[in-house]
N, C-alpha and C. Protein backbone atom coordinates (compact mmCIF):
# COMPACT_ATOMS: atom_id res chain seq x y z
N UNK A 1 10.83 0.12 31.68
CA UNK A 1 11.03 0.49 30.29
C UNK A 1 11.44 -0.76 29.51
N UNK A 2 10.70 -1.12 28.46
CA UNK A 2 11.00 -2.34 27.72
C UNK A 2 12.31 -2.22 26.94
N UNK A 3 13.00 -3.31 26.84
CA UNK A 3 14.24 -3.36 26.07
C UNK A 3 13.91 -3.84 24.67
N UNK A 4 14.36 -3.12 23.68
CA UNK A 4 14.13 -3.51 22.28
C UNK A 4 15.45 -3.95 21.69
N UNK A 5 15.44 -5.11 21.13
CA UNK A 5 16.63 -5.62 20.49
C UNK A 5 16.51 -5.43 18.99
N UNK A 6 17.50 -4.81 18.41
CA UNK A 6 17.50 -4.60 16.97
C UNK A 6 18.73 -5.29 16.40
N UNK A 7 18.50 -6.07 15.42
CA UNK A 7 19.61 -6.73 14.75
C UNK A 7 19.27 -6.88 13.28
N UNK A 8 20.31 -7.02 12.50
CA UNK A 8 20.13 -7.25 11.07
C UNK A 8 20.16 -8.76 10.86
N UNK A 9 19.16 -9.32 10.18
CA UNK A 9 19.18 -10.76 9.92
C UNK A 9 20.43 -11.16 9.15
N UNK A 10 20.94 -12.33 9.45
CA UNK A 10 22.18 -12.80 8.83
C UNK A 10 22.05 -13.00 7.33
N UNK A 11 20.84 -13.29 6.86
CA UNK A 11 20.63 -13.52 5.43
C UNK A 11 19.93 -12.35 4.74
N UNK A 12 20.05 -11.15 5.29
CA UNK A 12 19.34 -9.99 4.75
C UNK A 12 19.73 -9.68 3.31
N UNK A 13 20.98 -9.95 2.94
CA UNK A 13 21.40 -9.66 1.57
C UNK A 13 20.89 -10.69 0.56
N UNK A 14 20.38 -11.82 1.05
CA UNK A 14 19.87 -12.87 0.17
C UNK A 14 18.35 -12.81 -0.03
N UNK A 15 17.68 -12.07 0.81
CA UNK A 15 16.22 -11.98 0.78
C UNK A 15 15.78 -10.90 -0.21
N UNK A 16 14.85 -11.25 -1.08
CA UNK A 16 14.28 -10.28 -2.03
C UNK A 16 12.95 -9.79 -1.46
N UNK A 17 12.89 -8.52 -1.15
CA UNK A 17 11.66 -7.94 -0.63
C UNK A 17 10.74 -7.66 -1.81
N UNK A 18 9.53 -8.21 -1.79
CA UNK A 18 8.62 -7.96 -2.92
C UNK A 18 8.18 -6.50 -2.95
N UNK A 19 8.00 -5.98 -4.11
CA UNK A 19 7.52 -4.62 -4.30
C UNK A 19 6.19 -4.68 -5.02
N UNK A 20 5.25 -3.86 -4.57
CA UNK A 20 3.92 -3.88 -5.14
C UNK A 20 3.61 -2.65 -5.95
N UNK A 21 2.73 -2.84 -6.89
CA UNK A 21 2.19 -1.75 -7.69
C UNK A 21 0.71 -1.66 -7.36
N UNK A 22 0.28 -0.51 -6.89
CA UNK A 22 -1.09 -0.33 -6.40
C UNK A 22 -1.96 0.25 -7.51
N UNK A 23 -3.13 -0.37 -7.70
CA UNK A 23 -4.11 0.11 -8.68
C UNK A 23 -5.39 0.46 -7.92
N UNK A 24 -5.87 1.67 -8.14
CA UNK A 24 -7.06 2.16 -7.46
C UNK A 24 -8.15 2.40 -8.50
N UNK A 25 -9.31 1.79 -8.28
CA UNK A 25 -10.47 2.03 -9.15
C UNK A 25 -11.26 3.15 -8.49
N UNK A 26 -10.95 4.37 -8.88
CA UNK A 26 -11.44 5.57 -8.19
C UNK A 26 -12.96 5.66 -8.14
N UNK A 27 -13.63 5.21 -9.19
CA UNK A 27 -15.09 5.36 -9.23
C UNK A 27 -15.81 4.39 -8.29
N UNK A 28 -15.15 3.35 -7.85
CA UNK A 28 -15.76 2.42 -6.87
C UNK A 28 -15.60 2.91 -5.44
N UNK A 29 -14.65 3.78 -5.20
CA UNK A 29 -14.30 4.20 -3.84
C UNK A 29 -15.41 5.03 -3.21
N UNK A 30 -15.69 4.75 -1.94
CA UNK A 30 -16.67 5.54 -1.19
C UNK A 30 -16.03 6.35 -0.08
N UNK A 31 -14.70 6.43 -0.09
CA UNK A 31 -13.99 7.31 0.83
C UNK A 31 -13.94 6.85 2.27
N UNK A 32 -13.97 5.55 2.52
CA UNK A 32 -13.93 5.06 3.91
C UNK A 32 -12.55 5.20 4.54
N UNK A 33 -11.51 5.28 3.70
CA UNK A 33 -10.11 5.44 4.13
C UNK A 33 -9.56 4.27 4.91
N UNK A 34 -10.19 3.11 4.85
CA UNK A 34 -9.65 1.92 5.51
C UNK A 34 -8.28 1.57 4.95
N UNK A 35 -8.12 1.68 3.64
CA UNK A 35 -6.84 1.33 3.01
C UNK A 35 -5.73 2.25 3.50
N UNK A 36 -6.04 3.50 3.73
CA UNK A 36 -5.05 4.46 4.23
C UNK A 36 -4.70 4.16 5.68
N UNK A 37 -5.72 3.93 6.48
CA UNK A 37 -5.51 3.70 7.92
C UNK A 37 -4.79 2.40 8.23
N UNK A 38 -5.06 1.35 7.47
CA UNK A 38 -4.52 0.04 7.79
C UNK A 38 -3.22 -0.29 7.06
N UNK A 39 -2.75 0.57 6.19
CA UNK A 39 -1.49 0.31 5.48
C UNK A 39 -0.33 0.41 6.47
N UNK A 40 0.40 -0.70 6.69
CA UNK A 40 1.48 -0.66 7.69
C UNK A 40 2.69 0.15 7.24
N UNK A 41 2.79 0.48 5.97
CA UNK A 41 3.96 1.21 5.47
C UNK A 41 3.61 2.62 4.99
N UNK A 42 2.39 3.07 5.27
CA UNK A 42 1.93 4.42 4.95
C UNK A 42 2.17 4.79 3.48
N UNK A 43 1.72 3.90 2.60
CA UNK A 43 1.91 4.09 1.16
C UNK A 43 0.84 4.99 0.57
N UNK A 44 -0.34 5.01 1.18
CA UNK A 44 -1.48 5.74 0.62
C UNK A 44 -1.81 6.98 1.43
N UNK A 45 -2.45 7.94 0.76
CA UNK A 45 -2.98 9.12 1.43
C UNK A 45 -4.24 9.56 0.70
N UNK A 46 -5.04 10.41 1.34
CA UNK A 46 -6.27 10.89 0.72
C UNK A 46 -5.93 11.92 -0.34
N UNK A 47 -6.55 11.81 -1.50
CA UNK A 47 -6.29 12.75 -2.58
C UNK A 47 -7.19 13.97 -2.45
N UNK A 48 -6.87 14.98 -3.21
CA UNK A 48 -7.68 16.21 -3.22
C UNK A 48 -8.81 16.13 -4.24
N UNK A 49 -8.70 15.20 -5.19
CA UNK A 49 -9.72 15.10 -6.24
C UNK A 49 -10.97 14.37 -5.75
N UNK A 50 -12.05 14.54 -6.48
CA UNK A 50 -13.32 13.88 -6.18
C UNK A 50 -13.61 12.85 -7.26
N UNK A 51 -14.26 11.75 -6.86
CA UNK A 51 -14.73 10.80 -7.87
C UNK A 51 -16.17 11.16 -8.22
N UNK A 52 -16.81 10.37 -9.06
CA UNK A 52 -18.18 10.71 -9.51
C UNK A 52 -19.21 10.61 -8.39
N UNK A 53 -18.88 9.91 -7.30
CA UNK A 53 -19.78 9.82 -6.14
C UNK A 53 -19.59 10.99 -5.18
N UNK A 54 -18.52 11.77 -5.38
CA UNK A 54 -18.25 12.92 -4.52
C UNK A 54 -17.31 12.62 -3.37
N UNK A 55 -16.60 11.52 -3.42
CA UNK A 55 -15.67 11.15 -2.36
C UNK A 55 -14.23 11.38 -2.80
N UNK A 56 -13.35 11.50 -1.82
CA UNK A 56 -11.91 11.61 -2.09
C UNK A 56 -11.31 10.21 -2.11
N UNK A 57 -10.96 9.68 -3.26
CA UNK A 57 -10.32 8.36 -3.29
C UNK A 57 -8.87 8.49 -2.80
N UNK A 58 -8.26 7.38 -2.41
CA UNK A 58 -6.86 7.45 -1.99
C UNK A 58 -5.95 7.67 -3.19
N UNK A 59 -4.74 8.09 -2.91
CA UNK A 59 -3.72 8.17 -3.94
C UNK A 59 -2.44 7.59 -3.37
N UNK A 60 -1.57 7.15 -4.24
CA UNK A 60 -0.32 6.53 -3.82
C UNK A 60 0.67 7.64 -3.47
N UNK A 61 1.12 7.61 -2.22
CA UNK A 61 2.07 8.60 -1.73
C UNK A 61 3.51 8.19 -2.07
N UNK A 62 3.82 6.90 -1.83
CA UNK A 62 5.18 6.40 -2.08
C UNK A 62 5.10 4.96 -2.53
N UNK A 63 5.09 4.75 -3.84
CA UNK A 63 4.93 3.39 -4.38
C UNK A 63 6.11 2.49 -4.09
N UNK A 64 7.29 3.04 -3.89
CA UNK A 64 8.47 2.23 -3.59
C UNK A 64 8.41 1.61 -2.21
N UNK A 65 7.52 2.10 -1.38
CA UNK A 65 7.41 1.59 -0.01
C UNK A 65 6.44 0.42 0.10
N UNK A 66 5.70 0.10 -0.95
CA UNK A 66 4.72 -0.99 -0.91
C UNK A 66 5.42 -2.34 -0.88
N UNK A 67 5.09 -3.14 0.12
CA UNK A 67 5.71 -4.47 0.27
C UNK A 67 4.76 -5.58 -0.15
N UNK A 68 3.69 -5.26 -0.83
CA UNK A 68 2.76 -6.25 -1.37
C UNK A 68 2.10 -7.09 -0.27
N UNK A 69 1.76 -6.45 0.84
CA UNK A 69 1.17 -7.19 1.95
C UNK A 69 -0.30 -7.54 1.70
N UNK A 70 -1.00 -6.72 0.93
CA UNK A 70 -2.39 -6.99 0.58
C UNK A 70 -3.41 -6.51 1.60
N UNK A 71 -2.97 -5.77 2.64
CA UNK A 71 -3.92 -5.28 3.63
C UNK A 71 -4.95 -4.35 3.00
N UNK A 72 -4.51 -3.50 2.07
CA UNK A 72 -5.44 -2.55 1.45
C UNK A 72 -6.54 -3.29 0.70
N UNK A 73 -6.19 -4.36 0.02
CA UNK A 73 -7.18 -5.17 -0.69
C UNK A 73 -8.14 -5.85 0.28
N UNK A 74 -7.61 -6.35 1.37
CA UNK A 74 -8.41 -7.10 2.33
C UNK A 74 -9.44 -6.23 3.06
N UNK A 75 -9.10 -4.97 3.33
CA UNK A 75 -10.00 -4.13 4.11
C UNK A 75 -10.96 -3.30 3.27
N UNK A 76 -10.76 -3.24 1.96
CA UNK A 76 -11.62 -2.43 1.12
C UNK A 76 -12.98 -3.10 0.93
N UNK A 77 -14.06 -2.48 1.43
CA UNK A 77 -15.37 -3.09 1.31
C UNK A 77 -15.95 -3.02 -0.12
N UNK A 78 -15.36 -2.19 -0.97
CA UNK A 78 -15.88 -2.00 -2.32
C UNK A 78 -15.00 -2.59 -3.41
N UNK A 79 -13.96 -3.31 -3.02
CA UNK A 79 -13.03 -3.91 -3.99
C UNK A 79 -12.51 -2.85 -4.96
N UNK A 80 -12.16 -1.67 -4.42
CA UNK A 80 -11.73 -0.56 -5.24
C UNK A 80 -10.21 -0.44 -5.34
N UNK A 81 -9.48 -1.38 -4.75
CA UNK A 81 -8.03 -1.30 -4.77
C UNK A 81 -7.45 -2.71 -4.88
N UNK A 82 -6.38 -2.83 -5.65
CA UNK A 82 -5.69 -4.11 -5.74
C UNK A 82 -4.22 -3.87 -6.02
N UNK A 83 -3.40 -4.87 -5.72
CA UNK A 83 -1.96 -4.75 -5.92
C UNK A 83 -1.46 -5.89 -6.80
N UNK A 84 -0.42 -5.62 -7.53
CA UNK A 84 0.28 -6.63 -8.31
C UNK A 84 1.77 -6.46 -8.04
N UNK A 85 2.50 -7.53 -8.21
CA UNK A 85 3.94 -7.48 -7.97
C UNK A 85 4.64 -6.73 -9.09
N UNK A 86 5.54 -5.83 -8.72
CA UNK A 86 6.34 -5.10 -9.69
C UNK A 86 7.41 -6.00 -10.25
N UNK A 87 7.75 -5.78 -11.49
CA UNK A 87 8.88 -6.48 -12.10
C UNK A 87 10.12 -5.66 -11.79
N UNK A 88 10.96 -6.17 -10.90
CA UNK A 88 12.14 -5.43 -10.45
C UNK A 88 13.43 -6.05 -10.95
N UNK A 89 13.44 -6.58 -12.13
CA UNK A 89 14.65 -7.19 -12.66
C UNK A 89 15.75 -6.16 -12.87
N UNK A 90 15.41 -4.98 -13.27
CA UNK A 90 16.39 -3.93 -13.47
C UNK A 90 16.69 -3.14 -12.21
N UNK A 91 16.03 -3.50 -11.09
CA UNK A 91 16.18 -2.80 -9.83
C UNK A 91 15.00 -1.86 -9.57
N UNK A 92 14.60 -1.79 -8.33
CA UNK A 92 13.46 -0.92 -7.98
C UNK A 92 13.93 0.30 -7.23
């Protein structure tokens, strides 16, 4: 049985975790769900609505969980999703 070591980094209170804002261009989506499957923080899920092509585009399940990793942008074959950094000056 592997041993897992968990510790809090010593500078955790000094590190600012980036927060992302996800934008989905629903009409470009072909419903491949790569963005949903490859998101390491499970920010996206399949929506119930249809786009003009007849596919279910993704929807944002929990926007506060987005760490701006860019995996969703990288795996989307149709360039139907992109992220920008949130302005968190007032707190996120």
